[in-house]
N, C-alpha and C. Protein backbone atom coordinates (compact mmCIF):
# COMPACT_ATOMS: atom_id res chain seq x y z
N MET A 1 69.93 104.88 101.09
CA MET A 1 70.86 104.08 100.33
C MET A 1 71.91 105.01 99.73
N LYS A 2 73.17 104.60 99.82
CA LYS A 2 74.27 105.36 99.23
C LYS A 2 74.53 104.88 97.81
N VAL A 3 74.93 105.81 96.97
CA VAL A 3 75.36 105.48 95.62
C VAL A 3 76.88 105.48 95.64
N SER A 4 77.46 104.46 95.05
CA SER A 4 78.91 104.34 95.07
C SER A 4 79.43 103.98 93.70
N ALA A 5 80.59 104.52 93.37
CA ALA A 5 81.26 104.19 92.12
C ALA A 5 82.75 104.16 92.38
N PHE A 6 83.47 103.37 91.60
CA PHE A 6 84.91 103.32 91.79
C PHE A 6 85.59 103.00 90.48
N THR A 7 86.86 103.40 90.40
CA THR A 7 87.71 103.07 89.28
C THR A 7 88.93 102.36 89.85
N ALA A 8 89.20 101.18 89.38
CA ALA A 8 90.35 100.42 89.88
C ALA A 8 90.97 99.66 88.72
N ARG A 9 92.23 99.40 88.86
CA ARG A 9 92.95 98.67 87.82
C ARG A 9 93.55 97.41 88.45
N CYS A 10 93.29 96.29 87.83
CA CYS A 10 93.81 95.00 88.27
C CYS A 10 95.05 94.68 87.44
N LYS A 11 96.09 94.18 88.10
CA LYS A 11 97.31 93.91 87.34
C LYS A 11 97.26 92.60 86.56
N TYR A 12 96.23 91.79 86.77
CA TYR A 12 96.07 90.53 86.06
C TYR A 12 94.86 90.60 85.14
N GLU A 13 94.83 89.70 84.16
CA GLU A 13 93.67 89.53 83.28
C GLU A 13 93.23 88.07 83.33
N ILE A 14 91.97 87.83 82.98
CA ILE A 14 91.49 86.46 82.89
C ILE A 14 92.31 85.75 81.82
N GLY A 15 92.80 84.57 82.15
CA GLY A 15 93.64 83.80 81.24
C GLY A 15 95.10 83.86 81.60
N ASP A 16 95.51 84.83 82.45
CA ASP A 16 96.91 84.88 82.88
C ASP A 16 97.25 83.65 83.71
N VAL A 17 98.47 83.16 83.58
CA VAL A 17 98.94 82.02 84.35
C VAL A 17 99.89 82.56 85.42
N ILE A 18 99.63 82.15 86.67
CA ILE A 18 100.47 82.61 87.78
C ILE A 18 101.08 81.39 88.47
N ALA A 19 102.16 81.62 89.18
CA ALA A 19 102.79 80.55 89.96
C ALA A 19 102.31 80.66 91.41
N THR A 20 101.90 79.54 91.98
CA THR A 20 101.50 79.51 93.37
C THR A 20 102.73 79.31 94.25
N PRO A 21 102.61 79.56 95.56
CA PRO A 21 103.76 79.38 96.44
C PRO A 21 104.37 77.97 96.41
N ASP A 22 103.55 76.96 96.12
CA ASP A 22 104.07 75.59 96.06
C ASP A 22 104.62 75.22 94.68
N GLY A 23 104.71 76.21 93.77
CA GLY A 23 105.33 75.99 92.48
C GLY A 23 104.40 75.56 91.35
N LYS A 24 103.11 75.41 91.64
CA LYS A 24 102.16 75.02 90.60
C LYS A 24 101.79 76.22 89.74
N ALA A 25 101.55 75.99 88.46
CA ALA A 25 101.07 77.03 87.56
C ALA A 25 99.55 76.93 87.51
N MET A 26 98.86 78.05 87.74
CA MET A 26 97.40 78.06 87.71
C MET A 26 96.92 79.22 86.85
N ARG A 27 95.81 79.00 86.16
CA ARG A 27 95.25 80.02 85.26
C ARG A 27 94.14 80.78 86.00
N ILE A 28 94.12 82.10 85.85
CA ILE A 28 93.06 82.93 86.41
C ILE A 28 91.84 82.79 85.50
N THR A 29 90.73 82.32 86.07
CA THR A 29 89.52 82.08 85.29
C THR A 29 88.41 83.09 85.60
N ASP A 30 88.56 83.87 86.69
CA ASP A 30 87.59 84.91 87.00
C ASP A 30 88.23 85.88 87.99
N ILE A 31 87.77 87.12 87.97
CA ILE A 31 88.28 88.15 88.87
C ILE A 31 87.10 88.85 89.53
N CYS A 32 87.18 89.03 90.84
CA CYS A 32 86.13 89.73 91.59
C CYS A 32 86.74 90.98 92.22
N ALA A 33 86.11 92.14 92.00
CA ALA A 33 86.53 93.38 92.64
C ALA A 33 85.55 93.68 93.78
N MET A 34 86.08 93.81 94.99
CA MET A 34 85.25 94.16 96.14
C MET A 34 85.54 95.60 96.52
N HIS A 35 84.51 96.42 96.56
CA HIS A 35 84.65 97.83 96.89
C HIS A 35 84.02 98.09 98.25
N TYR A 36 84.81 98.62 99.17
CA TYR A 36 84.30 98.97 100.50
C TYR A 36 83.88 100.44 100.47
N VAL A 37 82.60 100.69 100.67
CA VAL A 37 82.05 102.04 100.56
C VAL A 37 82.61 102.94 101.67
N LYS A 38 82.68 102.44 102.86
CA LYS A 38 83.12 103.25 104.01
C LYS A 38 84.55 103.75 103.84
N THR A 39 85.46 102.88 103.41
CA THR A 39 86.87 103.26 103.31
C THR A 39 87.30 103.61 101.88
N GLY A 40 86.52 103.21 100.89
CA GLY A 40 86.88 103.43 99.50
C GLY A 40 87.89 102.43 98.97
N LYS A 41 88.24 101.44 99.77
CA LYS A 41 89.24 100.45 99.39
C LYS A 41 88.65 99.45 98.38
N VAL A 42 89.48 99.03 97.43
CA VAL A 42 89.08 98.02 96.44
C VAL A 42 90.06 96.85 96.54
N ILE A 43 89.53 95.66 96.68
CA ILE A 43 90.35 94.44 96.77
C ILE A 43 89.93 93.50 95.65
N PHE A 44 90.92 92.89 95.00
CA PHE A 44 90.65 91.92 93.96
C PHE A 44 90.87 90.51 94.50
N THR A 45 89.94 89.61 94.21
CA THR A 45 90.13 88.19 94.49
C THR A 45 90.02 87.45 93.17
N TYR A 46 90.63 86.27 93.12
CA TYR A 46 90.78 85.56 91.86
C TYR A 46 90.32 84.12 91.98
N GLU A 47 89.59 83.65 90.95
CA GLU A 47 89.26 82.24 90.84
C GLU A 47 90.37 81.61 89.99
N LEU A 48 90.92 80.51 90.48
CA LEU A 48 92.00 79.84 89.77
C LEU A 48 91.53 78.49 89.25
N ASP A 49 91.79 78.23 87.98
CA ASP A 49 91.47 76.95 87.34
C ASP A 49 90.02 76.50 87.55
N ASN A 50 89.07 77.42 87.44
CA ASN A 50 87.63 77.09 87.58
C ASN A 50 87.30 76.35 88.87
N SER A 51 87.98 76.68 89.94
CA SER A 51 87.79 75.96 91.21
C SER A 51 86.49 76.33 91.92
N GLY A 52 85.92 77.50 91.60
CA GLY A 52 84.73 77.95 92.30
C GLY A 52 85.06 78.71 93.58
N ARG A 53 86.33 78.72 93.97
CA ARG A 53 86.77 79.46 95.17
C ARG A 53 87.56 80.69 94.72
N TYR A 54 87.39 81.78 95.43
CA TYR A 54 88.11 83.01 95.12
C TYR A 54 89.16 83.24 96.19
N VAL A 55 90.38 83.55 95.75
CA VAL A 55 91.49 83.71 96.68
C VAL A 55 92.10 85.11 96.52
N LEU A 56 92.63 85.60 97.61
CA LEU A 56 93.37 86.85 97.62
C LEU A 56 94.83 86.49 97.45
N LEU A 57 95.46 86.99 96.40
CA LEU A 57 96.85 86.64 96.15
C LEU A 57 97.76 87.37 97.13
N GLN A 58 98.78 86.71 97.62
CA GLN A 58 99.65 87.22 98.67
C GLN A 58 100.32 88.54 98.28
N GLU A 59 100.78 88.68 97.04
CA GLU A 59 101.47 89.91 96.66
C GLU A 59 100.52 91.11 96.65
N GLU A 60 99.20 90.86 96.52
CA GLU A 60 98.22 91.95 96.58
C GLU A 60 98.06 92.45 98.02
N VAL A 61 98.26 91.58 99.00
CA VAL A 61 98.09 91.96 100.41
C VAL A 61 99.21 92.89 100.86
N ALA A 62 100.40 92.75 100.30
CA ALA A 62 101.56 93.50 100.75
C ALA A 62 101.47 94.99 100.44
N LYS A 63 100.60 95.39 99.55
CA LYS A 63 100.52 96.80 99.15
C LYS A 63 99.85 97.66 100.18
């Protein structure tokens, strides 16, 4: 078993309101950080308005 640790900074906080592509305002209600051990990459996904679904925001993909 490998031991892994990471430090990452998310540009959003829980409670931030963002605009969706269709113009709706949605509140971030949870944030998930996924760390890939092999590549060291960290990706953030966000739950919006307590939907139970986590989405990858488009502007995060462009980086």
